[in-house]
Amino acid sequence: MKNLYKKQTSKIIVLLDSVGQNSSLCHNEHMNFTLENNVLRIGVTSFGGNLTSVFDKTRNEELFYEPLLESWQRQDHFLFPFTGRMVDGNYLYHGKTYTMPMHGLLLNQEGRGRKESDTTIEIVFASNEETLIHYPFPFEAKATFSLLPHGVQVAYEIQNKGDSTLIFGLGGHPAFRVPYQKEPNGILETSGNTLLLPPCKEEIKMTELLPGGFVSDRLLKVPGLQNNVIDLSSDFFQKVDTAILDSRNFEEVVLNKKDGSKIRFHLGSAPHLCLWRNLKGDFVAIEPWLSTPDVLPLEKDLEKKKNLLHLEAGKTFVYSYSFDIE
């Protein structure tokens, strides 16, 4: 299978290698790759390390959200080194203040992309002069996209290239198209598309979301949850804005679309499953998170923040999620 790519922009990336020496690589273009089998055709971009397309060949239908100006202008995110927002957009580390954009540093970074096989694409990011301004840790972050017989697996690999403990958050942000009805006010009503949660011994709850996009330690009831089913309606998202489900007791959910099709989502070890949509977009984002936005009451010191991961010097952390089309 050939790599498909096209020119989009020109950018110089300064990479920091494992021994701390700078090496310059010139990326003349974003690399847009395609993988294909008898069932699916998927697209991946080196810009941000994201999925761009999941096309169901059996139904002749695009399953992945296509960006709209009036809605969300992204499709997916490789969330690293933080998920969500930090209070005031900054934090302290060893007495110094660092700024951090929402959802981390990779959204607008160009990665090194390569096709590993007919079923696998790798996008690799490394710490550089720009990232070290915001995040004082040498790292390598790799996203691997694997085409499965009826689905896709996404694996994130984080390597600590420094001498101190790497403190980070991690998550994915894939957005799937769902059938809708457009209302006179411009809202796309998505009622009838549901998320099926597995039976659990304990009631599934969600993390309390506070104004500004921050969270508390409290767990709340999920509005409208009945028989382990959430109706992904506009009313649901108007009530919760973003639902961060406590997923420590389950590893799989099913997106049941009202046209009868299904997406079975395997979130693996992610302790948080975030559900979000823009009410003017025909999608639902199903986001496995291994961390959360800042927890209130606020702790500015990075080493004392809650819900983050810690990786020793020289170590590697790997997380993966996948989804199957049914």
C-alpha atoms as a PDB file:
ATOM      1  CA  MET A   1       0.000   0.000   0.000  1.00  0.00           C
ATOM      2  CA  LYS A   2       1.408   3.403  -0.953  1.00  0.00           C
ATOM      3  CA  ASN A   3       1.757   6.343   1.409  1.00  0.00           C
ATOM      4  CA  LEU A   4      -0.499   9.178   0.312  1.00  0.00           C
ATOM      5  CA  TYR A   5       0.592  12.678   1.221  1.00  0.00           C
ATOM      6  CA  LYS A   6       0.331  16.248   0.059  1.00  0.00           C
ATOM      7  CA  LYS A   7       2.043  19.544   0.719  1.00  0.00           C
ATOM      8  CA  GLN A   8       0.384  21.841   3.244  1.00  0.00           C
ATOM      9  CA  THR A   9       3.029  24.032   4.820  1.00  0.00           C
ATOM     10  CA  SER A  10       6.736  24.329   5.481  1.00  0.00           C
ATOM     11  CA  LYS A  11       8.251  24.133   8.924  1.00  0.00           C
ATOM     12  CA  ILE A  12      11.652  23.647  10.578  1.00  0.00           C
ATOM     13  CA  ILE A  13      11.595  21.365  13.629  1.00  0.00           C
ATOM     14  CA  VAL A  14      14.522  21.400  16.067  1.00  0.00           C
ATOM     15  CA  LEU A  15      14.609  18.028  17.826  1.00  0.00           C
ATOM     16  CA  LEU A  16      16.383  17.273  21.082  1.00  0.00           C
ATOM     17  CA  ASP A  17      17.926  13.821  20.874  1.00  0.00           C
ATOM     18  CA  SER A  18      18.474  11.385  23.725  1.00  0.00           C
ATOM     19  CA  VAL A  19      21.853  12.814  24.726  1.00  0.00           C
ATOM     20  CA  GLY A  20      20.614  16.399  24.757  1.00  0.00           C
ATOM     21  CA  GLN A  21      22.203  17.543  21.502  1.00  0.00           C
ATOM     22  CA  ASN A  22      20.224  19.525  18.960  1.00  0.00           C
ATOM     23  CA  SER A  23      19.643  18.209  15.458  1.00  0.00           C
ATOM     24  CA  SER A  24      17.636  20.033  12.799  1.00  0.00           C
ATOM     25  CA  LEU A  25      15.206  18.300  10.484  1.00  0.00           C
ATOM     26  CA  CYS A  26      13.454  20.170   7.715  1.00  0.00           C
ATOM     27  CA  HIS A  27       9.827  19.142   7.216  1.00  0.00           C
ATOM     28  CA  ASN A  28       8.626  20.631   3.953  1.00  0.00           C
ATOM     29  CA  GLU A  29       5.131  19.244   4.316  1.00  0.00           C
ATOM     30  CA  HIS A  30       2.635  17.646   6.632  1.00  0.00           C
ATOM     31  CA  MET A  31       2.592  13.968   5.823  1.00  0.00           C
ATOM     32  CA  ASN A  32      -0.906  12.573   5.273  1.00  0.00           C
ATOM     33  CA  PHE A  33      -0.911   8.772   5.255  1.00  0.00           C
ATOM     34  CA  THR A  34      -3.569   6.272   4.235  1.00  0.00           C
ATOM     35  CA  LEU A  35      -4.043   2.640   5.249  1.00  0.00           C
ATOM     36  CA  GLU A  36      -6.674   0.436   3.654  1.00  0.00           C
ATOM     37  CA  ASN A  37      -8.161  -3.046   3.772  1.00  0.00           C
ATOM     38  CA  ASN A  38     -11.379  -4.593   2.460  1.00  0.00           C
ATOM     39  CA  VAL A  39     -13.491  -2.926   5.169  1.00  0.00           C
ATOM     40  CA  LEU A  40     -11.879   0.380   6.133  1.00  0.00           C
ATOM     41  CA  ARG A  41      -9.702   3.182   4.803  1.00  0.00           C
ATOM     42  CA  ILE A  42      -8.115   5.399   7.463  1.00  0.00           C
ATOM     43  CA  GLY A  43      -6.214   8.676   7.258  1.00  0.00           C
ATOM     44  CA  VAL A  44      -3.461   9.882   9.603  1.00  0.00           C
ATOM     45  CA  THR A  45      -1.568  13.185   9.659  1.00  0.00           C
ATOM     46  CA  SER A  46       1.873  13.988  11.034  1.00  0.00           C
ATOM     47  CA  PHE A  47       0.534  17.399  12.133  1.00  0.00           C
ATOM     48  CA  GLY A  48      -0.480  16.742  15.730  1.00  0.00           C
ATOM     49  CA  GLY A  49      -0.284  12.967  15.272  1.00  0.00           C
ATOM     50  CA  ASN A  50      -4.004  12.505  14.645  1.00  0.00           C
ATOM     51  CA  LEU A  51      -6.538  10.412  12.815  1.00  0.00           C
ATOM     52  CA  THR A  52      -8.183  12.373   9.998  1.00  0.00           C
ATOM     53  CA  SER A  53     -10.510   9.795   8.466  1.00  0.00           C
ATOM     54  CA  VAL A  54     -12.148   6.443   9.146  1.00  0.00           C
ATOM     55  CA  PHE A  55     -14.056   5.475   6.011  1.00  0.00           C
ATOM     56  CA  ASP A  56     -16.344   2.428   6.064  1.00  0.00           C
ATOM     57  CA  LYS A  57     -16.043   0.920   2.572  1.00  0.00           C
ATOM     58  CA  THR A  58     -18.868  -1.547   3.174  1.00  0.00           C
ATOM     59  CA  ARG A  59     -21.339   1.318   3.743  1.00  0.00           C
ATOM     60  CA  ASN A  60     -19.559   3.922   1.608  1.00  0.00           C
ATOM     61  CA  GLU A  61     -19.649   6.213   4.644  1.00  0.00           C
ATOM     62  CA  GLU A  62     -17.195   8.478   6.461  1.00  0.00           C
ATOM     63  CA  LEU A  63     -17.356   7.633  10.178  1.00  0.00           C
ATOM     64  CA  PHE A  64     -14.971  10.301  11.448  1.00  0.00           C
ATOM     65  CA  TYR A  65     -15.981  13.902  12.014  1.00  0.00           C
ATOM     66  CA  GLU A  66     -15.070  16.355   9.246  1.00  0.00           C
ATOM     67  CA  PRO A  67     -14.209  19.833  10.642  1.00  0.00           C
ATOM     68  CA  LEU A  68     -16.662  22.705  10.164  1.00  0.00           C
ATOM     69  CA  LEU A  69     -15.959  26.410  10.676  1.00  0.00           C
ATOM     70  CA  GLU A  70     -19.156  26.898  12.682  1.00  0.00           C
ATOM     71  CA  SER A  71     -18.350  23.953  14.923  1.00  0.00           C
ATOM     72  CA  TRP A  72     -15.101  22.291  16.022  1.00  0.00           C
ATOM     73  CA  GLN A  73     -12.210  22.762  13.615  1.00  0.00           C
ATOM     74  CA  ARG A  74     -10.320  19.673  14.759  1.00  0.00           C
ATOM     75  CA  GLN A  75     -10.996  15.933  14.507  1.00  0.00           C
ATOM     76  CA  ASP A  76      -8.749  14.293  17.051  1.00  0.00           C
ATOM     77  CA  HIS A  77      -5.973  15.165  19.513  1.00  0.00           C
ATOM     78  CA  PHE A  78      -2.903  13.450  20.903  1.00  0.00           C
ATOM     79  CA  LEU A  79      -3.266  14.924  24.396  1.00  0.00           C
ATOM     80  CA  PHE A  80       0.194  15.316  25.942  1.00  0.00           C
ATOM     81  CA  PRO A  81       1.611  16.358  28.355  1.00  0.00           C
ATOM     82  CA  PHE A  82      -1.728  17.456  29.854  1.00  0.00           C
ATOM     83  CA  THR A  83      -5.440  16.906  29.288  1.00  0.00           C
ATOM     84  CA  GLY A  84      -7.848  19.817  29.566  1.00  0.00           C
ATOM     85  CA  ARG A  85      -7.050  23.113  31.242  1.00  0.00           C
ATOM     86  CA  MET A  86      -4.706  24.374  33.910  1.00  0.00           C
ATOM     87  CA  VAL A  87      -5.935  27.184  36.138  1.00  0.00           C
ATOM     88  CA  ASP A  88      -4.604  30.475  34.726  1.00  0.00           C
ATOM     89  CA  GLY A  89      -2.909  28.412  32.009  1.00  0.00           C
ATOM     90  CA  ASN A  90       0.254  27.877  34.037  1.00  0.00           C
ATOM     91  CA  TYR A  91       1.962  25.813  36.727  1.00  0.00           C
ATOM     92  CA  LEU A  92       5.054  25.845  38.936  1.00  0.00           C
ATOM     93  CA  TYR A  93       8.006  23.496  38.694  1.00  0.00           C
ATOM     94  CA  HIS A  94      11.054  23.949  40.936  1.00  0.00           C
ATOM     95  CA  GLY A  95       9.976  27.518  41.665  1.00  0.00           C
ATOM     96  CA  LYS A  96       9.599  28.595  38.030  1.00  0.00           C
ATOM     97  CA  THR A  97       6.299  29.376  36.267  1.00  0.00           C
ATOM     98  CA  TYR A  98       5.549  27.656  32.959  1.00  0.00           C
ATOM     99  CA  THR A  99       2.589  28.307  30.662  1.00  0.00           C
ATOM    100  CA  MET A 100       0.636  25.411  29.188  1.00  0.00           C
ATOM    101  CA  PRO A 101      -1.985  25.521  26.391  1.00  0.00           C
ATOM    102  CA  MET A 102      -5.226  23.583  26.753  1.00  0.00           C
ATOM    103  CA  HIS A 103      -4.695  19.882  25.969  1.00  0.00           C
ATOM    104  CA  GLY A 104      -0.918  20.176  25.939  1.00  0.00           C
ATOM    105  CA  LEU A 105       1.773  20.845  23.375  1.00  0.00           C
ATOM    106  CA  LEU A 106       1.302  18.533  20.392  1.00  0.00           C
ATOM    107  CA  LEU A 107      -1.826  20.002  18.792  1.00  0.00           C
ATOM    108  CA  ASN A 108       0.180  22.290  16.484  1.00  0.00           C
ATOM    109  CA  GLN A 109       3.446  20.361  16.384  1.00  0.00           C
ATOM    110  CA  GLU A 110       4.793  18.607  13.314  1.00  0.00           C
ATOM    111  CA  GLY A 111       5.810  15.014  13.951  1.00  0.00           C
ATOM    112  CA  ARG A 112       8.056  12.650  12.024  1.00  0.00           C
ATOM    113  CA  GLY A 113       5.750  10.268  10.197  1.00  0.00           C
ATOM    114  CA  ARG A 114       6.555   6.949   8.606  1.00  0.00           C
ATOM    115  CA  LYS A 115       4.708   3.896   7.404  1.00  0.00           C
ATOM    116  CA  GLU A 116       5.960   0.896   9.371  1.00  0.00           C
ATOM    117  CA  SER A 117       3.990  -1.689   7.402  1.00  0.00           C
ATOM    118  CA  ASP A 118       0.863  -2.085   5.287  1.00  0.00           C
ATOM    119  CA  THR A 119      -1.157  -1.856   8.513  1.00  0.00           C
ATOM    120  CA  THR A 120       0.831   0.542  10.734  1.00  0.00           C
ATOM    121  CA  ILE A 121       1.805   4.218  10.768  1.00  0.00           C
ATOM    122  CA  GLU A 122       4.028   5.918  13.367  1.00  0.00           C
ATOM    123  CA  ILE A 123       4.122   9.619  14.209  1.00  0.00           C
ATOM    124  CA  VAL A 124       6.958  10.634  16.544  1.00  0.00           C
ATOM    125  CA  PHE A 125       7.436  13.885  18.468  1.00  0.00           C
ATOM    126  CA  ALA A 126      10.501  14.919  20.445  1.00  0.00           C
ATOM    127  CA  SER A 127      11.099  17.707  22.902  1.00  0.00           C
ATOM    128  CA  ASN A 128      12.582  20.781  21.247  1.00  0.00           C
ATOM    129  CA  GLU A 129      13.437  24.392  22.015  1.00  0.00           C
ATOM    130  CA  GLU A 130       9.786  25.409  21.828  1.00  0.00           C
ATOM    131  CA  THR A 131       8.412  22.628  24.045  1.00  0.00           C
ATOM    132  CA  LEU A 132      11.110  23.152  26.698  1.00  0.00           C
ATOM    133  CA  ILE A 133       9.868  26.725  27.176  1.00  0.00           C
ATOM    134  CA  HIS A 134       6.506  25.351  28.325  1.00  0.00           C
ATOM    135  CA  TYR A 135       7.488  21.939  29.671  1.00  0.00           C
ATOM    136  CA  PRO A 136      11.017  21.475  31.073  1.00  0.00           C
ATOM    137  CA  PHE A 137      11.325  17.747  30.377  1.00  0.00           C
ATOM    138  CA  PRO A 138      13.159  15.951  27.548  1.00  0.00           C
ATOM    139  CA  PHE A 139      10.780  13.385  26.061  1.00  0.00           C
ATOM    140  CA  GLU A 140       9.793  11.388  23.031  1.00  0.00           C
ATOM    141  CA  ALA A 141       6.081  10.865  22.357  1.00  0.00           C
ATOM    142  CA  LYS A 142       4.975   8.384  19.706  1.00  0.00           C
ATOM    143  CA  ALA A 143       1.523   7.673  18.304  1.00  0.00           C
ATOM    144  CA  THR A 144       1.130   4.375  16.431  1.00  0.00           C
ATOM    145  CA  PHE A 145      -1.970   3.799  14.297  1.00  0.00           C
ATOM    146  CA  SER A 146      -2.740   0.194  13.376  1.00  0.00           C
ATOM    147  CA  LEU A 147      -5.414  -0.892  10.930  1.00  0.00           C
ATOM    148  CA  LEU A 148      -7.343  -3.889  12.278  1.00  0.00           C
ATOM    149  CA  PRO A 149      -9.626  -6.187  10.238  1.00  0.00           C
ATOM    150  CA  HIS A 150     -12.696  -4.188  11.313  1.00  0.00           C
ATOM    151  CA  GLY A 151     -11.261  -1.281  13.265  1.00  0.00           C
ATOM    152  CA  VAL A 152      -8.335   0.840  14.419  1.00  0.00           C
ATOM    153  CA  GLN A 153      -5.893   0.682  17.321  1.00  0.00           C
ATOM    154  CA  VAL A 154      -4.130   3.813  18.589  1.00  0.00           C
ATOM    155  CA  ALA A 155      -1.108   3.380  20.870  1.00  0.00           C
ATOM    156  CA  TYR A 156       0.682   6.201  22.684  1.00  0.00           C
ATOM    157  CA  GLU A 157       4.259   5.643  23.845  1.00  0.00           C
ATOM    158  CA  ILE A 158       5.976   8.170  26.125  1.00  0.00           C
ATOM    159  CA  GLN A 159       9.730   7.943  26.771  1.00  0.00           C
ATOM    160  CA  ASN A 160      11.464   9.871  29.521  1.00  0.00           C
ATOM    161  CA  LYS A 161      14.681  11.114  27.921  1.00  0.00           C
ATOM    162  CA  GLY A 162      15.760  13.171  30.945  1.00  0.00           C
ATOM    163  CA  ASP A 163      17.373  12.591  34.323  1.00  0.00           C
ATOM    164  CA  SER A 164      14.369  13.490  36.499  1.00  0.00           C
ATOM    165  CA  THR A 165      10.882  12.039  36.872  1.00  0.00           C
ATOM    166  CA  LEU A 166       8.607  12.949  33.962  1.00  0.00           C
ATOM    167  CA  ILE A 167       5.247  14.269  35.213  1.00  0.00           C
ATOM    168  CA  PHE A 168       2.532  14.223  32.583  1.00  0.00           C
ATOM    169  CA  GLY A 169      -1.031  13.659  31.516  1.00  0.00           C
ATOM    170  CA  LEU A 170      -2.173  11.679  28.497  1.00  0.00           C
ATOM    171  CA  GLY A 171      -5.285  11.031  26.451  1.00  0.00           C
ATOM    172  CA  GLY A 172      -6.987  10.700  23.086  1.00  0.00           C
ATOM    173  CA  HIS A 173      -9.776  12.766  21.508  1.00  0.00           C
ATOM    174  CA  PRO A 174     -11.341  10.907  18.538  1.00  0.00           C
ATOM    175  CA  ALA A 175     -14.637  12.315  17.250  1.00  0.00           C
ATOM    176  CA  PHE A 176     -17.201  10.121  15.496  1.00  0.00           C
ATOM    177  CA  ARG A 177     -19.994  11.309  13.225  1.00  0.00           C
ATOM    178  CA  VAL A 178     -23.545  10.607  14.351  1.00  0.00           C
ATOM    179  CA  PRO A 179     -26.931  11.113  12.603  1.00  0.00           C
ATOM    180  CA  TYR A 180     -28.680  14.356  13.509  1.00  0.00           C
ATOM    181  CA  GLN A 181     -31.633  16.632  12.843  1.00  0.00           C
ATOM    182  CA  LYS A 182     -30.914  20.327  12.382  1.00  0.00           C
ATOM    183  CA  GLU A 183     -33.005  22.603  14.590  1.00  0.00           C
ATOM    184  CA  PRO A 184     -34.103  26.171  13.666  1.00  0.00           C
ATOM    185  CA  ASN A 185     -31.575  27.606  16.156  1.00  0.00           C
ATOM    186  CA  GLY A 186     -28.699  25.879  14.344  1.00  0.00           C
ATOM    187  CA  ILE A 187     -28.216  23.147  16.931  1.00  0.00           C
ATOM    188  CA  LEU A 188     -27.798  19.653  15.527  1.00  0.00           C
ATOM    189  CA  GLU A 189     -30.038  17.397  17.592  1.00  0.00           C
ATOM    190  CA  THR A 190     -28.400  14.010  18.150  1.00  0.00           C
ATOM    191  CA  SER A 191     -31.010  12.369  20.374  1.00  0.00           C
ATOM    192  CA  GLY A 192     -31.436   8.674  19.603  1.00  0.00           C
ATOM    193  CA  ASN A 193     -27.700   8.081  19.380  1.00  0.00           C
ATOM    194  CA  THR A 194     -26.761   6.319  22.606  1.00  0.00           C
ATOM    195  CA  LEU A 195     -23.748   5.106  24.538  1.00  0.00           C
ATOM    196  CA  LEU A 196     -24.098   1.684  26.128  1.00  0.00           C
ATOM    197  CA  LEU A 197     -22.045   1.163  29.274  1.00  0.00           C
ATOM    198  CA  PRO A 198     -21.276  -2.331  30.609  1.00  0.00           C
ATOM    199  CA  PRO A 199     -22.927  -3.697  33.768  1.00  0.00           C
ATOM    200  CA  CYS A 200     -20.917  -2.762  36.852  1.00  0.00           C
ATOM    201  CA  LYS A 201     -21.256  -3.721  40.506  1.00  0.00           C
ATOM    202  CA  GLU A 202     -21.132  -0.054  41.450  1.00  0.00           C
ATOM    203  CA  GLU A 203     -23.102   2.781  39.872  1.00  0.00           C
ATOM    204  CA  ILE A 204     -21.123   4.526  37.131  1.00  0.00           C
ATOM    205  CA  LYS A 205     -20.597   8.174  37.994  1.00  0.00           C
ATOM    206  CA  MET A 206     -18.832  11.174  36.536  1.00  0.00           C
ATOM    207  CA  THR A 207     -16.282  13.645  37.865  1.00  0.00           C
ATOM    208  CA  GLU A 208     -17.690  17.010  38.909  1.00  0.00           C
ATOM    209  CA  LEU A 209     -16.856  19.611  36.268  1.00  0.00           C
ATOM    210  CA  LEU A 210     -16.462  23.149  37.611  1.00  0.00           C
ATOM    211  CA  PRO A 211     -16.721  26.517  35.817  1.00  0.00           C
ATOM    212  CA  GLY A 212     -13.650  27.127  33.690  1.00  0.00           C
ATOM    213  CA  GLY A 213     -13.214  23.461  32.789  1.00  0.00           C
ATOM    214  CA  PHE A 214     -11.600  22.342  36.039  1.00  0.00           C
ATOM    215  CA  VAL A 215     -12.675  19.421  38.218  1.00  0.00           C
ATOM    216  CA  SER A 216     -13.135  18.470  41.861  1.00  0.00           C
ATOM    217  CA  ASP A 217     -12.677  15.145  43.670  1.00  0.00           C
ATOM    218  CA  ARG A 218     -16.457  14.647  43.830  1.00  0.00           C
ATOM    219  CA  LEU A 219     -18.252  11.998  41.783  1.00  0.00           C
ATOM    220  CA  LEU A 220     -21.790  12.828  40.610  1.00  0.00           C
ATOM    221  CA  LYS A 221     -24.665  10.910  39.088  1.00  0.00           C
ATOM    222  CA  VAL A 222     -24.696  10.831  35.288  1.00  0.00           C
ATOM    223  CA  PRO A 223     -27.801  12.752  34.108  1.00  0.00           C
ATOM    224  CA  GLY A 224     -30.295  10.558  32.283  1.00  0.00           C
ATOM    225  CA  LEU A 225     -28.332   7.325  32.754  1.00  0.00           C
ATOM    226  CA  GLN A 226     -30.881   4.504  32.590  1.00  0.00           C
ATOM    227  CA  ASN A 227     -30.161   0.783  32.261  1.00  0.00           C
ATOM    228  CA  ASN A 228     -26.512   1.629  31.543  1.00  0.00           C
ATOM    229  CA  VAL A 229     -27.522   3.758  28.533  1.00  0.00           C
ATOM    230  CA  ILE A 230     -26.824   7.465  27.935  1.00  0.00           C
ATOM    231  CA  ASP A 231     -28.887   9.252  25.272  1.00  0.00           C
ATOM    232  CA  LEU A 232     -26.312  11.490  23.585  1.00  0.00           C
ATOM    233  CA  SER A 233     -28.830  14.275  23.024  1.00  0.00           C
ATOM    234  CA  SER A 234     -28.239  18.014  22.897  1.00  0.00           C
ATOM    235  CA  ASP A 235     -30.056  18.211  26.236  1.00  0.00           C
ATOM    236  CA  PHE A 236     -27.525  15.848  27.816  1.00  0.00           C
ATOM    237  CA  PHE A 237     -24.557  17.919  26.642  1.00  0.00           C
ATOM    238  CA  GLN A 238     -26.236  21.183  27.635  1.00  0.00           C
ATOM    239  CA  LYS A 239     -26.533  19.787  31.162  1.00  0.00           C
ATOM    240  CA  VAL A 240     -22.999  18.418  31.499  1.00  0.00           C
ATOM    241  CA  ASP A 241     -20.995  20.355  28.852  1.00  0.00           C
ATOM    242  CA  THR A 242     -18.334  17.663  29.174  1.00  0.00           C
ATOM    243  CA  ALA A 243     -18.993  14.354  30.913  1.00  0.00           C
ATOM    244  CA  ILE A 244     -15.868  12.812  32.449  1.00  0.00           C
ATOM    245  CA  LEU A 245     -17.018   9.315  33.377  1.00  0.00           C
ATOM    246  CA  ASP A 246     -15.235   7.332  36.079  1.00  0.00           C
ATOM    247  CA  SER A 247     -14.174   4.357  33.946  1.00  0.00           C
ATOM    248  CA  ARG A 248     -12.028   2.492  36.459  1.00  0.00           C
ATOM    249  CA  ASN A 249     -14.538  -0.376  36.547  1.00  0.00           C
ATOM    250  CA  PHE A 250     -15.047  -0.906  32.819  1.00  0.00           C
ATOM    251  CA  GLU A 251     -12.974  -1.103  29.640  1.00  0.00           C
ATOM    252  CA  GLU A 252     -15.522  -1.026  26.830  1.00  0.00           C
ATOM    253  CA  VAL A 253     -18.495   1.030  25.639  1.00  0.00           C
ATOM    254  CA  VAL A 254     -20.660   0.839  22.520  1.00  0.00           C
ATOM    255  CA  LEU A 255     -21.776   3.836  20.465  1.00  0.00           C
ATOM    256  CA  ASN A 256     -25.173   2.857  19.045  1.00  0.00           C
ATOM    257  CA  LYS A 257     -26.147   5.204  16.236  1.00  0.00           C
ATOM    258  CA  LYS A 258     -29.772   5.719  15.431  1.00  0.00           C
ATOM    259  CA  ASP A 259     -29.179   4.468  11.875  1.00  0.00           C
ATOM    260  CA  GLY A 260     -28.460   1.026  13.364  1.00  0.00           C
ATOM    261  CA  SER A 261     -24.660   1.027  13.016  1.00  0.00           C
ATOM    262  CA  LYS A 262     -22.324   0.576  15.984  1.00  0.00           C
ATOM    263  CA  ILE A 263     -18.819   1.452  17.100  1.00  0.00           C
ATOM    264  CA  ARG A 264     -17.412  -0.718  19.888  1.00  0.00           C
ATOM    265  CA  PHE A 265     -14.831   1.336  21.791  1.00  0.00           C
ATOM    266  CA  HIS A 266     -12.138  -0.370  23.894  1.00  0.00           C
ATOM    267  CA  LEU A 267     -10.606   2.132  26.300  1.00  0.00           C
ATOM    268  CA  GLY A 268      -8.299  -0.272  28.091  1.00  0.00           C
ATOM    269  CA  SER A 269      -6.811   1.005  31.333  1.00  0.00           C
ATOM    270  CA  ALA A 270      -7.947   4.643  31.003  1.00  0.00           C
ATOM    271  CA  PRO A 271      -9.528   5.671  34.343  1.00  0.00           C
ATOM    272  CA  HIS A 272     -11.541   8.479  32.729  1.00  0.00           C
ATOM    273  CA  LEU A 273     -13.797   8.453  29.667  1.00  0.00           C
ATOM    274  CA  CYS A 274     -14.652  11.937  28.446  1.00  0.00           C
ATOM    275  CA  LEU A 275     -17.761  12.601  26.315  1.00  0.00           C
ATOM    276  CA  TRP A 276     -17.991  15.941  24.523  1.00  0.00           C
ATOM    277  CA  ARG A 277     -19.567  17.586  21.512  1.00  0.00           C
ATOM    278  CA  ASN A 278     -20.088  21.002  20.013  1.00  0.00           C
ATOM    279  CA  LEU A 279     -23.844  21.412  19.600  1.00  0.00           C
ATOM    280  CA  LYS A 280     -23.391  22.647  16.030  1.00  0.00           C
ATOM    281  CA  GLY A 281     -21.282  19.649  15.029  1.00  0.00           C
ATOM    282  CA  ASP A 282     -22.489  16.233  13.858  1.00  0.00           C
ATOM    283  CA  PHE A 283     -20.175  14.271  16.158  1.00  0.00           C
ATOM    284  CA  VAL A 284     -19.568  12.868  19.593  1.00  0.00           C
ATOM    285  CA  ALA A 285     -16.008  12.781  20.925  1.00  0.00           C
ATOM    286  CA  ILE A 286     -15.248   9.628  22.934  1.00  0.00           C
ATOM    287  CA  GLU A 287     -12.019  10.430  24.742  1.00  0.00           C
ATOM    288  CA  PRO A 288      -9.998   8.020  26.888  1.00  0.00           C
ATOM    289  CA  TRP A 289      -8.033  10.045  29.448  1.00  0.00           C
ATOM    290  CA  LEU A 290      -5.356   8.893  31.853  1.00  0.00           C
ATOM    291  CA  SER A 291      -5.376  12.254  33.633  1.00  0.00           C
ATOM    292  CA  THR A 292      -7.765  15.152  34.248  1.00  0.00           C
ATOM    293  CA  PRO A 293      -7.738  18.948  34.073  1.00  0.00           C
ATOM    294  CA  ASP A 294      -6.588  20.798  37.184  1.00  0.00           C
ATOM    295  CA  VAL A 295      -8.245  19.615  40.376  1.00  0.00           C
ATOM    296  CA  LEU A 296      -9.632  22.190  42.803  1.00  0.00           C
ATOM    297  CA  PRO A 297      -8.699  23.261  45.413  1.00  0.00           C
ATOM    298  CA  LEU A 298      -5.808  24.318  43.242  1.00  0.00           C
ATOM    299  CA  GLU A 299      -2.234  23.137  43.660  1.00  0.00           C
ATOM    300  CA  LYS A 300       0.128  25.094  41.405  1.00  0.00           C
ATOM    301  CA  ASP A 301       3.198  22.950  42.099  1.00  0.00           C
ATOM    302  CA  LEU A 302       3.402  20.349  39.329  1.00  0.00           C
ATOM    303  CA  GLU A 303       4.938  17.751  41.652  1.00  0.00           C
ATOM    304  CA  LYS A 304       1.913  18.002  43.966  1.00  0.00           C
ATOM    305  CA  LYS A 305      -0.868  18.059  41.362  1.00  0.00           C
ATOM    306  CA  LYS A 306      -3.412  15.244  41.433  1.00  0.00           C
ATOM    307  CA  ASN A 307      -4.386  12.815  38.666  1.00  0.00           C
ATOM    308  CA  LEU A 308      -1.087  12.960  36.776  1.00  0.00           C
ATOM    309  CA  LEU A 309       1.341  10.198  35.786  1.00  0.00           C
ATOM    310  CA  HIS A 310       4.946   9.889  36.951  1.00  0.00           C
ATOM    311  CA  LEU A 311       7.609   8.194  34.816  1.00  0.00           C
ATOM    312  CA  GLU A 312      11.128   7.539  36.073  1.00  0.00           C
ATOM    313  CA  ALA A 313      14.186   8.612  34.098  1.00  0.00           C
ATOM    314  CA  GLY A 314      14.910   6.330  31.166  1.00  0.00           C
ATOM    315  CA  LYS A 315      11.565   4.530  31.403  1.00  0.00           C
ATOM    316  CA  THR A 316       8.794   4.143  28.806  1.00  0.00           C
ATOM    317  CA  PHE A 317       5.022   4.258  29.290  1.00  0.00           C
ATOM    318  CA  VAL A 318       2.587   2.747  26.769  1.00  0.00           C
ATOM    319  CA  TYR A 319      -1.187   3.084  26.548  1.00  0.00           C
ATOM    320  CA  SER A 320      -3.522   2.014  23.756  1.00  0.00           C
ATOM    321  CA  TYR A 321      -7.196   2.161  22.856  1.00  0.00           C
ATOM    322  CA  SER A 322      -9.075   0.741  19.895  1.00  0.00           C
ATOM    323  CA  PHE A 323     -12.480   0.694  18.233  1.00  0.00           C
ATOM    324  CA  ASP A 324     -14.282  -1.742  15.950  1.00  0.00           C
ATOM    325  CA  ILE A 325     -16.981  -1.057  13.391  1.00  0.00           C
ATOM    326  CA  GLU A 326     -20.115  -3.209  13.641  1.00  0.00           C
END
